[in-house]
Amino acid sequence: MIYIKTHEAENGSVIAMCDESLIDKVLNDGDVYLDIKSYSSFYKGELVSADRAMKIIGVHESVHSANLIGKESVEVGLEVGLIDKSSVLEVKKIPYAHAYKVDY
């Protein structure tokens, strides 16, 4: 299951997704520090299946940025084209990705 939350911003939607099993974790490998626990409210929206997350993302015409943490969340982001494989990084063998759309 995945937590998904959409934040509306001036330039479009911000999609935040985090695997349920990671929502209260701090991931730190020395080079990368992801404090999901302190910022869980950013991700904690609706708890959904991967299929439902794809449908939620699909209704947003203008996604300005995405923050995805966890295997399920990243797989959904890749499948719907929200992120590119080259933007996927890892911390403690947990995949995560941040993507931004820049308009000129």
PDB file of N, CA and C in Angstrom:
ATOM      1  N   MET A   1       0.841  -1.181   0.000  1.00  0.00           N
ATOM      2  CA  MET A   1       0.000   0.000   0.000  1.00  0.00           C
ATOM      3  C   MET A   1       0.892   1.254   0.000  1.00  0.00           C
ATOM      4  N   ILE A   2       0.319   2.312  -0.527  1.00  0.00           N
ATOM      5  CA  ILE A   2       1.056   3.560  -0.735  1.00  0.00           C
ATOM      6  C   ILE A   2       0.254   4.721  -0.154  1.00  0.00           C
ATOM      7  N   TYR A   3       0.959   5.595   0.572  1.00  0.00           N
ATOM      8  CA  TYR A   3       0.350   6.870   0.938  1.00  0.00           C
ATOM      9  C   TYR A   3       0.564   7.822  -0.222  1.00  0.00           C
ATOM     10  N   ILE A   4      -0.504   8.498  -0.623  1.00  0.00           N
ATOM     11  CA  ILE A   4      -0.400   9.487  -1.694  1.00  0.00           C
ATOM     12  C   ILE A   4      -1.142  10.746  -1.275  1.00  0.00           C
ATOM     13  N   LYS A   5      -0.505  11.866  -1.534  1.00  0.00           N
ATOM     14  CA  LYS A   5      -1.118  13.150  -1.204  1.00  0.00           C
ATOM     15  C   LYS A   5      -0.781  14.127  -2.320  1.00  0.00           C
ATOM     16  N   THR A   6      -1.764  14.873  -2.731  1.00  0.00           N
ATOM     17  CA  THR A   6      -1.573  15.887  -3.762  1.00  0.00           C
ATOM     18  C   THR A   6      -1.648  17.253  -3.113  1.00  0.00           C
ATOM     19  N   HIS A   7      -0.638  18.052  -3.370  1.00  0.00           N
ATOM     20  CA  HIS A   7      -0.592  19.425  -2.880  1.00  0.00           C
ATOM     21  C   HIS A   7      -0.753  20.333  -4.097  1.00  0.00           C
ATOM     22  N   GLU A   8      -1.703  21.235  -4.025  1.00  0.00           N
ATOM     23  CA  GLU A   8      -1.898  22.158  -5.146  1.00  0.00           C
ATOM     24  C   GLU A   8      -0.990  23.367  -4.958  1.00  0.00           C
ATOM     25  N   ALA A   9      -0.245  23.688  -5.997  1.00  0.00           N
ATOM     26  CA  ALA A   9       0.668  24.824  -5.973  1.00  0.00           C
ATOM     27  C   ALA A   9       0.349  25.736  -7.153  1.00  0.00           C
ATOM     28  N   GLU A  10       0.945  26.893  -7.155  1.00  0.00           N
ATOM     29  CA  GLU A  10       0.690  27.885  -8.197  1.00  0.00           C
ATOM     30  C   GLU A  10       0.997  27.354  -9.595  1.00  0.00           C
ATOM     31  N   ASN A  11       2.074  26.573  -9.721  1.00  0.00           N
ATOM     32  CA  ASN A  11       2.505  26.088 -11.035  1.00  0.00           C
ATOM     33  C   ASN A  11       1.929  24.733 -11.403  1.00  0.00           C
ATOM     34  N   GLY A  12       1.157  24.106 -10.522  1.00  0.00           N
ATOM     35  CA  GLY A  12       0.606  22.783 -10.785  1.00  0.00           C
ATOM     36  C   GLY A  12       0.627  21.946  -9.524  1.00  0.00           C
ATOM     37  N   SER A  13       0.333  20.687  -9.671  1.00  0.00           N
ATOM     38  CA  SER A  13       0.242  19.790  -8.521  1.00  0.00           C
ATOM     39  C   SER A  13       1.603  19.266  -8.100  1.00  0.00           C
ATOM     40  N   VAL A  14       1.737  19.039  -6.802  1.00  0.00           N
ATOM     41  CA  VAL A  14       2.895  18.356  -6.237  1.00  0.00           C
ATOM     42  C   VAL A  14       2.378  17.008  -5.738  1.00  0.00           C
ATOM     43  N   ILE A  15       2.922  15.922  -6.276  1.00  0.00           N
ATOM     44  CA  ILE A  15       2.517  14.581  -5.889  1.00  0.00           C
ATOM     45  C   ILE A  15       3.526  14.041  -4.883  1.00  0.00           C
ATOM     46  N   ALA A  16       3.053  13.611  -3.726  1.00  0.00           N
ATOM     47  CA  ALA A  16       3.900  13.010  -2.699  1.00  0.00           C
ATOM     48  C   ALA A  16       3.430  11.580  -2.481  1.00  0.00           C
ATOM     49  N   MET A  17       4.348  10.626  -2.614  1.00  0.00           N
ATOM     50  CA  MET A  17       4.005   9.215  -2.425  1.00  0.00           C
ATOM     51  C   MET A  17       5.072   8.534  -1.589  1.00  0.00           C
ATOM     52  N   CYS A  18       4.620   7.690  -0.656  1.00  0.00           N
ATOM     53  CA  CYS A  18       5.548   6.951   0.184  1.00  0.00           C
ATOM     54  C   CYS A  18       4.950   5.592   0.509  1.00  0.00           C
ATOM     55  N   ASP A  19       5.752   4.553   0.396  1.00  0.00           N
ATOM     56  CA  ASP A  19       5.290   3.222   0.772  1.00  0.00           C
ATOM     57  C   ASP A  19       4.867   3.234   2.242  1.00  0.00           C
ATOM     58  N   GLU A  20       3.779   2.569   2.536  1.00  0.00           N
ATOM     59  CA  GLU A  20       3.230   2.543   3.891  1.00  0.00           C
ATOM     60  C   GLU A  20       4.271   2.092   4.920  1.00  0.00           C
ATOM     61  N   SER A  21       5.088   1.136   4.582  1.00  0.00           N
ATOM     62  CA  SER A  21       6.069   0.580   5.526  1.00  0.00           C
ATOM     63  C   SER A  21       7.186   1.561   5.884  1.00  0.00           C
ATOM     64  N   LEU A  22       7.307   2.655   5.150  1.00  0.00           N
ATOM     65  CA  LEU A  22       8.393   3.614   5.378  1.00  0.00           C
ATOM     66  C   LEU A  22       7.942   4.912   6.019  1.00  0.00           C
ATOM     67  N   ILE A  23       6.660   5.103   6.219  1.00  0.00           N
ATOM     68  CA  ILE A  23       6.120   6.409   6.583  1.00  0.00           C
ATOM     69  C   ILE A  23       6.670   6.972   7.896  1.00  0.00           C
ATOM     70  N   ASP A  24       7.064   6.154   8.828  1.00  0.00           N
ATOM     71  CA  ASP A  24       7.593   6.661  10.097  1.00  0.00           C
ATOM     72  C   ASP A  24       9.079   6.364  10.269  1.00  0.00           C
ATOM     73  N   LYS A  25       9.802   6.341   9.168  1.00  0.00           N
ATOM     74  CA  LYS A  25      11.224   5.992   9.191  1.00  0.00           C
ATOM     75  C   LYS A  25      12.112   7.198   8.912  1.00  0.00           C
ATOM     76  N   VAL A  26      13.346   7.071   9.347  1.00  0.00           N
ATOM     77  CA  VAL A  26      14.414   7.983   8.968  1.00  0.00           C
ATOM     78  C   VAL A  26      15.436   7.130   8.228  1.00  0.00           C
ATOM     79  N   LEU A  27      15.726   7.487   6.993  1.00  0.00           N
ATOM     80  CA  LEU A  27      16.687   6.743   6.179  1.00  0.00           C
ATOM     81  C   LEU A  27      17.966   7.564   6.071  1.00  0.00           C
ATOM     82  N   ASN A  28      19.070   6.973   6.513  1.00  0.00           N
ATOM     83  CA  ASN A  28      20.331   7.702   6.538  1.00  0.00           C
ATOM     84  C   ASN A  28      21.460   6.737   6.203  1.00  0.00           C
ATOM     85  N   ASP A  29      22.207   7.039   5.144  1.00  0.00           N
ATOM     86  CA  ASP A  29      23.362   6.203   4.818  1.00  0.00           C
ATOM     87  C   ASP A  29      24.652   7.003   4.845  1.00  0.00           C
ATOM     88  N   GLY A  30      24.630   8.157   5.472  1.00  0.00           N
ATOM     89  CA  GLY A  30      25.812   9.010   5.541  1.00  0.00           C
ATOM     90  C   GLY A  30      25.808  10.098   4.490  1.00  0.00           C
ATOM     91  N   ASP A  31      25.523   9.733   3.242  1.00  0.00           N
ATOM     92  CA  ASP A  31      25.466  10.718   2.159  1.00  0.00           C
ATOM     93  C   ASP A  31      24.066  11.288   1.967  1.00  0.00           C
ATOM     94  N   VAL A  32      23.067  10.459   2.236  1.00  0.00           N
ATOM     95  CA  VAL A  32      21.677  10.850   2.032  1.00  0.00           C
ATOM     96  C   VAL A  32      20.913  10.670   3.338  1.00  0.00           C
ATOM     97  N   TYR A  33      20.104  11.663   3.670  1.00  0.00           N
ATOM     98  CA  TYR A  33      19.308  11.637   4.890  1.00  0.00           C
ATOM     99  C   TYR A  33      17.872  11.993   4.520  1.00  0.00           C
ATOM    100  N   LEU A  34      16.960  11.034   4.655  1.00  0.00           N
ATOM    101  CA  LEU A  34      15.545  11.276   4.383  1.00  0.00           C
ATOM    102  C   LEU A  34      14.767  11.076   5.680  1.00  0.00           C
ATOM    103  N   ASP A  35      14.259  12.151   6.225  1.00  0.00           N
ATOM    104  CA  ASP A  35      13.502  12.097   7.478  1.00  0.00           C
ATOM    105  C   ASP A  35      12.016  12.069   7.147  1.00  0.00           C
ATOM    106  N   ILE A  36      11.532  10.897   6.830  1.00  0.00           N
ATOM    107  CA  ILE A  36      10.122  10.739   6.476  1.00  0.00           C
ATOM    108  C   ILE A  36       9.249  10.899   7.721  1.00  0.00           C
ATOM    109  N   LYS A  37       9.758  10.468   8.858  1.00  0.00           N
ATOM    110  CA  LYS A  37       9.007  10.519  10.109  1.00  0.00           C
ATOM    111  C   LYS A  37       8.585  11.951  10.458  1.00  0.00           C
ATOM    112  N   SER A  38       9.521  12.874  10.416  1.00  0.00           N
ATOM    113  CA  SER A  38       9.207  14.270  10.760  1.00  0.00           C
ATOM    114  C   SER A  38       8.313  14.947   9.734  1.00  0.00           C
ATOM    115  N   TYR A  39       8.361  14.456   8.497  1.00  0.00           N
ATOM    116  CA  TYR A  39       7.589  15.064   7.417  1.00  0.00           C
ATOM    117  C   TYR A  39       6.494  14.137   6.902  1.00  0.00           C
ATOM    118  N   SER A  40       6.039  13.221   7.745  1.00  0.00           N
ATOM    119  CA  SER A  40       5.030  12.249   7.315  1.00  0.00           C
ATOM    120  C   SER A  40       3.740  12.920   6.860  1.00  0.00           C
ATOM    121  N   SER A  41       3.411  14.080   7.411  1.00  0.00           N
ATOM    122  CA  SER A  41       2.174  14.759   7.003  1.00  0.00           C
ATOM    123  C   SER A  41       2.233  15.217   5.542  1.00  0.00           C
ATOM    124  N   PHE A  42       3.428  15.380   4.997  1.00  0.00           N
ATOM    125  CA  PHE A  42       3.580  15.738   3.583  1.00  0.00           C
ATOM    126  C   PHE A  42       3.126  14.585   2.684  1.00  0.00           C
ATOM    127  N   TYR A  43       3.350  13.359   3.147  1.00  0.00           N
ATOM    128  CA  TYR A  43       3.027  12.157   2.364  1.00  0.00           C
ATOM    129  C   TYR A  43       1.693  11.525   2.754  1.00  0.00           C
ATOM    130  N   LYS A  44       1.308  11.647   4.016  1.00  0.00           N
ATOM    131  CA  LYS A  44       0.124  10.942   4.511  1.00  0.00           C
ATOM    132  C   LYS A  44      -1.151  11.612   4.026  1.00  0.00           C
ATOM    133  N   GLY A  45      -1.652  11.068   2.966  1.00  0.00           N
ATOM    134  CA  GLY A  45      -2.939  11.479   2.447  1.00  0.00           C
ATOM    135  C   GLY A  45      -3.818  10.252   2.475  1.00  0.00           C
ATOM    136  N   GLU A  46      -4.105   9.765   1.299  1.00  0.00           N
ATOM    137  CA  GLU A  46      -4.925   8.565   1.152  1.00  0.00           C
ATOM    138  C   GLU A  46      -4.013   7.337   1.094  1.00  0.00           C
ATOM    139  N   LEU A  47      -4.391   6.257   1.769  1.00  0.00           N
ATOM    140  CA  LEU A  47      -3.652   5.000   1.711  1.00  0.00           C
ATOM    141  C   LEU A  47      -4.311   4.141   0.640  1.00  0.00           C
ATOM    142  N   VAL A  48      -3.565   3.863  -0.445  1.00  0.00           N
ATOM    143  CA  VAL A  48      -4.167   3.237  -1.619  1.00  0.00           C
ATOM    144  C   VAL A  48      -3.291   2.118  -2.186  1.00  0.00           C
ATOM    145  N   SER A  49      -3.876   1.332  -3.069  1.00  0.00           N
ATOM    146  CA  SER A  49      -3.134   0.327  -3.827  1.00  0.00           C
ATOM    147  C   SER A  49      -2.356   1.031  -4.941  1.00  0.00           C
ATOM    148  N   ALA A  50      -1.440   0.302  -5.550  1.00  0.00           N
ATOM    149  CA  ALA A  50      -0.676   0.856  -6.670  1.00  0.00           C
ATOM    150  C   ALA A  50      -1.602   1.244  -7.822  1.00  0.00           C
ATOM    151  N   ASP A  51      -2.604   0.426  -8.106  1.00  0.00           N
ATOM    152  CA  ASP A  51      -3.553   0.735  -9.189  1.00  0.00           C
ATOM    153  C   ASP A  51      -4.305   2.030  -8.918  1.00  0.00           C
ATOM    154  N   ARG A  52      -4.735   2.199  -7.693  1.00  0.00           N
ATOM    155  CA  ARG A  52      -5.471   3.423  -7.329  1.00  0.00           C
ATOM    156  C   ARG A  52      -4.548   4.644  -7.412  1.00  0.00           C
ATOM    157  N   ALA A  53      -3.297   4.496  -6.999  1.00  0.00           N
ATOM    158  CA  ALA A  53      -2.342   5.607  -7.083  1.00  0.00           C
ATOM    159  C   ALA A  53      -2.163   6.051  -8.535  1.00  0.00           C
ATOM    160  N   MET A  54      -2.104   5.080  -9.456  1.00  0.00           N
ATOM    161  CA  MET A  54      -1.973   5.416 -10.878  1.00  0.00           C
ATOM    162  C   MET A  54      -3.169   6.228 -11.357  1.00  0.00           C
ATOM    163  N   LYS A  55      -4.346   5.850 -10.903  1.00  0.00           N
ATOM    164  CA  LYS A  55      -5.554   6.583 -11.310  1.00  0.00           C
ATOM    165  C   LYS A  55      -5.557   7.991 -10.738  1.00  0.00           C
ATOM    166  N   ILE A  56      -5.121   8.143  -9.489  1.00  0.00           N
ATOM    167  CA  ILE A  56      -5.075   9.474  -8.870  1.00  0.00           C
ATOM    168  C   ILE A  56      -4.112  10.373  -9.635  1.00  0.00           C
ATOM    169  N   ILE A  57      -2.942   9.854  -9.965  1.00  0.00           N
ATOM    170  CA  ILE A  57      -1.963  10.643 -10.717  1.00  0.00           C
ATOM    171  C   ILE A  57      -2.529  11.014 -12.082  1.00  0.00           C
ATOM    172  N   GLY A  58      -3.245  10.101 -12.691  1.00  0.00           N
ATOM    173  CA  GLY A  58      -3.786  10.314 -14.031  1.00  0.00           C
ATOM    174  C   GLY A  58      -4.783  11.450 -14.146  1.00  0.00           C
ATOM    175  N   VAL A  59      -5.442  11.823 -13.061  1.00  0.00           N
ATOM    176  CA  VAL A  59      -6.438  12.895 -13.136  1.00  0.00           C
ATOM    177  C   VAL A  59      -5.818  14.284 -13.030  1.00  0.00           C
ATOM    178  N   HIS A  60      -4.539  14.354 -12.721  1.00  0.00           N
ATOM    179  CA  HIS A  60      -3.876  15.651 -12.603  1.00  0.00           C
ATOM    180  C   HIS A  60      -3.221  16.023 -13.926  1.00  0.00           C
ATOM    181  N   GLU A  61      -3.738  17.058 -14.546  1.00  0.00           N
ATOM    182  CA  GLU A  61      -3.235  17.473 -15.857  1.00  0.00           C
ATOM    183  C   GLU A  61      -1.855  18.111 -15.764  1.00  0.00           C
ATOM    184  N   SER A  62      -1.615  18.845 -14.700  1.00  0.00           N
ATOM    185  CA  SER A  62      -0.356  19.566 -14.582  1.00  0.00           C
ATOM    186  C   SER A  62       0.349  19.189 -13.284  1.00  0.00           C
ATOM    187  N   VAL A  63       1.289  18.257 -13.381  1.00  0.00           N
ATOM    188  CA  VAL A  63       2.091  17.884 -12.221  1.00  0.00           C
ATOM    189  C   VAL A  63       3.399  18.666 -12.296  1.00  0.00           C
ATOM    190  N   HIS A  64       3.630  19.497 -11.296  1.00  0.00           N
ATOM    191  CA  HIS A  64       4.815  20.359 -11.255  1.00  0.00           C
ATOM    192  C   HIS A  64       6.012  19.627 -10.646  1.00  0.00           C
ATOM    193  N   SER A  65       5.757  18.807  -9.622  1.00  0.00           N
ATOM    194  CA  SER A  65       6.847  18.049  -9.026  1.00  0.00           C
ATOM    195  C   SER A  65       6.320  16.790  -8.352  1.00  0.00           C
ATOM    196  N   ALA A  66       7.250  15.873  -8.114  1.00  0.00           N
ATOM    197  CA  ALA A  66       6.889  14.603  -7.485  1.00  0.00           C
ATOM    198  C   ALA A  66       7.985  14.202  -6.510  1.00  0.00           C
ATOM    199  N   ASN A  67       7.567  13.682  -5.370  1.00  0.00           N
ATOM    200  CA  ASN A  67       8.472  13.153  -4.355  1.00  0.00           C
ATOM    201  C   ASN A  67       8.000  11.746  -4.038  1.00  0.00           C
ATOM    202  N   LEU A  68       8.791  10.755  -4.405  1.00  0.00           N
ATOM    203  CA  LEU A  68       8.391   9.362  -4.253  1.00  0.00           C
ATOM    204  C   LEU A  68       9.439   8.615  -3.439  1.00  0.00           C
ATOM    205  N   ILE A  69       8.975   7.859  -2.435  1.00  0.00           N
ATOM    206  CA  ILE A  69       9.901   7.088  -1.607  1.00  0.00           C
ATOM    207  C   ILE A  69       9.366   5.674  -1.448  1.00  0.00           C
ATOM    208  N   GLY A  70      10.200   4.697  -1.794  1.00  0.00           N
ATOM    209  CA  GLY A  70       9.845   3.300  -1.632  1.00  0.00           C
ATOM    210  C   GLY A  70       9.660   2.591  -2.955  1.00  0.00           C
ATOM    211  N   LYS A  71       9.813   1.281  -2.905  1.00  0.00           N
ATOM    212  CA  LYS A  71       9.757   0.460  -4.123  1.00  0.00           C
ATOM    213  C   LYS A  71       8.421   0.585  -4.853  1.00  0.00           C
ATOM    214  N   GLU A  72       7.311   0.440  -4.115  1.00  0.00           N
ATOM    215  CA  GLU A  72       5.992   0.521  -4.767  1.00  0.00           C
ATOM    216  C   GLU A  72       5.745   1.898  -5.361  1.00  0.00           C
ATOM    217  N   SER A  73       6.055   2.928  -4.597  1.00  0.00           N
ATOM    218  CA  SER A  73       5.815   4.295  -5.051  1.00  0.00           C
ATOM    219  C   SER A  73       6.630   4.618  -6.296  1.00  0.00           C
ATOM    220  N   VAL A  74       7.905   4.240  -6.283  1.00  0.00           N
ATOM    221  CA  VAL A  74       8.772   4.500  -7.427  1.00  0.00           C
ATOM    222  C   VAL A  74       8.301   3.709  -8.643  1.00  0.00           C
ATOM    223  N   GLU A  75       7.894   2.463  -8.450  1.00  0.00           N
ATOM    224  CA  GLU A  75       7.390   1.659  -9.574  1.00  0.00           C
ATOM    225  C   GLU A  75       6.166   2.314 -10.211  1.00  0.00           C
ATOM    226  N   VAL A  76       5.262   2.838  -9.395  1.00  0.00           N
ATOM    227  CA  VAL A  76       4.087   3.537  -9.922  1.00  0.00           C
ATOM    228  C   VAL A  76       4.527   4.762 -10.716  1.00  0.00           C
ATOM    229  N   GLY A  77       5.424   5.548 -10.147  1.00  0.00           N
ATOM    230  CA  GLY A  77       5.913   6.744 -10.830  1.00  0.00           C
ATOM    231  C   GLY A  77       6.540   6.433 -12.172  1.00  0.00           C
ATOM    232  N   LEU A  78       7.303   5.356 -12.235  1.00  0.00           N
ATOM    233  CA  LEU A  78       7.910   4.940 -13.497  1.00  0.00           C
ATOM    234  C   LEU A  78       6.853   4.483 -14.495  1.00  0.00           C
ATOM    235  N   GLU A  79       5.914   3.703 -14.031  1.00  0.00           N
ATOM    236  CA  GLU A  79       4.895   3.143 -14.928  1.00  0.00           C
ATOM    237  C   GLU A  79       4.035   4.219 -15.581  1.00  0.00           C
ATOM    238  N   VAL A  80       3.702   5.266 -14.835  1.00  0.00           N
ATOM    239  CA  VAL A  80       2.844   6.317 -15.404  1.00  0.00           C
ATOM    240  C   VAL A  80       3.642   7.440 -16.065  1.00  0.00           C
ATOM    241  N   GLY A  81       4.975   7.343 -16.035  1.00  0.00           N
ATOM    242  CA  GLY A  81       5.804   8.361 -16.671  1.00  0.00           C
ATOM    243  C   GLY A  81       5.986   9.616 -15.846  1.00  0.00           C
ATOM    244  N   LEU A  82       5.688   9.544 -14.570  1.00  0.00           N
ATOM    245  CA  LEU A  82       5.851  10.693 -13.683  1.00  0.00           C
ATOM    246  C   LEU A  82       7.330  10.978 -13.439  1.00  0.00           C
ATOM    247  N   ILE A  83       8.114   9.913 -13.384  1.00  0.00           N
ATOM    248  CA  ILE A  83       9.558  10.031 -13.218  1.00  0.00           C
ATOM    249  C   ILE A  83      10.241   9.172 -14.274  1.00  0.00           C
ATOM    250  N   ASP A  84      11.503   9.440 -14.481  1.00  0.00           N
ATOM    251  CA  ASP A  84      12.323   8.680 -15.409  1.00  0.00           C
ATOM    252  C   ASP A  84      13.275   7.805 -14.593  1.00  0.00           C
ATOM    253  N   LYS A  85      13.621   6.658 -15.148  1.00  0.00           N
ATOM    254  CA  LYS A  85      14.500   5.707 -14.447  1.00  0.00           C
ATOM    255  C   LYS A  85      15.806   6.371 -14.005  1.00  0.00           C
ATOM    256  N   SER A  86      16.290   7.326 -14.788  1.00  0.00           N
ATOM    257  CA  SER A  86      17.553   7.999 -14.459  1.00  0.00           C
ATOM    258  C   SER A  86      17.450   8.872 -13.207  1.00  0.00           C
ATOM    259  N   SER A  87      16.232   9.197 -12.771  1.00  0.00           N
ATOM    260  CA  SER A  87      16.067  10.030 -11.583  1.00  0.00           C
ATOM    261  C   SER A  87      15.914   9.220 -10.295  1.00  0.00           C
ATOM    262  N   VAL A  88      15.951   7.892 -10.400  1.00  0.00           N
ATOM    263  CA  VAL A  88      15.779   7.036  -9.229  1.00  0.00           C
ATOM    264  C   VAL A  88      17.130   6.834  -8.537  1.00  0.00           C
ATOM    265  N   LEU A  89      17.165   7.149  -7.256  1.00  0.00           N
ATOM    266  CA  LEU A  89      18.348   6.975  -6.417  1.00  0.00           C
ATOM    267  C   LEU A  89      18.016   5.983  -5.310  1.00  0.00           C
ATOM    268  N   GLU A  90      18.991   5.671  -4.477  1.00  0.00           N
ATOM    269  CA  GLU A  90      18.741   4.749  -3.371  1.00  0.00           C
ATOM    270  C   GLU A  90      19.403   5.249  -2.096  1.00  0.00           C
ATOM    271  N   VAL A  91      18.736   4.965  -0.982  1.00  0.00           N
ATOM    272  CA  VAL A  91      19.300   5.159   0.347  1.00  0.00           C
ATOM    273  C   VAL A  91      18.950   3.904   1.133  1.00  0.00           C
ATOM    274  N   LYS A  92      19.964   3.257   1.695  1.00  0.00           N
ATOM    275  CA  LYS A  92      19.752   1.999   2.423  1.00  0.00           C
ATOM    276  C   LYS A  92      19.007   0.978   1.570  1.00  0.00           C
ATOM    277  N   LYS A  93      19.313   0.948   0.275  1.00  0.00           N
ATOM    278  CA  LYS A  93      18.690   0.044  -0.706  1.00  0.00           C
ATOM    279  C   LYS A  93      17.198   0.313  -0.920  1.00  0.00           C
ATOM    280  N   ILE A  94      16.741   1.483  -0.492  1.00  0.00           N
ATOM    281  CA  ILE A  94      15.354   1.910  -0.704  1.00  0.00           C
ATOM    282  C   ILE A  94      15.354   2.927  -1.841  1.00  0.00           C
ATOM    283  N   PRO A  95      14.610   2.673  -2.925  1.00  0.00           N
ATOM    284  CA  PRO A  95      14.578   3.632  -4.026  1.00  0.00           C
ATOM    285  C   PRO A  95      13.746   4.865  -3.672  1.00  0.00           C
ATOM    286  N   TYR A  96      14.185   6.007  -4.201  1.00  0.00           N
ATOM    287  CA  TYR A  96      13.432   7.251  -4.054  1.00  0.00           C
ATOM    288  C   TYR A  96      13.714   8.121  -5.271  1.00  0.00           C
ATOM    289  N   ALA A  97      12.823   9.055  -5.523  1.00  0.00           N
ATOM    290  CA  ALA A  97      13.010   9.947  -6.668  1.00  0.00           C
ATOM    291  C   ALA A  97      12.325  11.273  -6.409  1.00  0.00           C
ATOM    292  N   HIS A  98      12.939  12.318  -6.923  1.00  0.00           N
ATOM    293  CA  HIS A  98      12.363  13.654  -6.912  1.00  0.00           C
ATOM    294  C   HIS A  98      12.394  14.136  -8.353  1.00  0.00           C
ATOM    295  N   ALA A  99      11.300  14.649  -8.811  1.00  0.00           N
ATOM    296  CA  ALA A  99      11.235  15.148 -10.193  1.00  0.00           C
ATOM    297  C   ALA A  99      10.565  16.507 -10.190  1.00  0.00           C
ATOM    298  N   TYR A 100      11.065  17.385 -11.041  1.00  0.00           N
ATOM    299  CA  TYR A 100      10.545  18.747 -11.138  1.00  0.00           C
ATOM    300  C   TYR A 100      10.354  19.118 -12.596  1.00  0.00           C
ATOM    301  N   LYS A 101       9.270  19.793 -12.873  1.00  0.00           N
ATOM    302  CA  LYS A 101       9.006  20.294 -14.219  1.00  0.00           C
ATOM    303  C   LYS A 101       9.352  21.775 -14.203  1.00  0.00           C
ATOM    304  N   VAL A 102      10.231  22.168 -15.080  1.00  0.00           N
ATOM    305  CA  VAL A 102      10.650  23.554 -15.139  1.00  0.00           C
ATOM    306  C   VAL A 102      10.072  24.179 -16.400  1.00  0.00           C
ATOM    307  N   ASP A 103       9.315  25.242 -16.223  1.00  0.00           N
ATOM    308  CA  ASP A 103       8.749  25.970 -17.356  1.00  0.00           C
ATOM    309  C   ASP A 103       9.544  27.247 -17.570  1.00  0.00           C
ATOM    310  N   TYR A 104       9.862  27.514 -18.820  1.00  0.00           N
ATOM    311  CA  TYR A 104      10.593  28.739 -19.162  1.00  0.00           C
ATOM    312  C   TYR A 104       9.686  29.720 -19.804  1.00  0.00           C
TER     313      TYR A 104
END
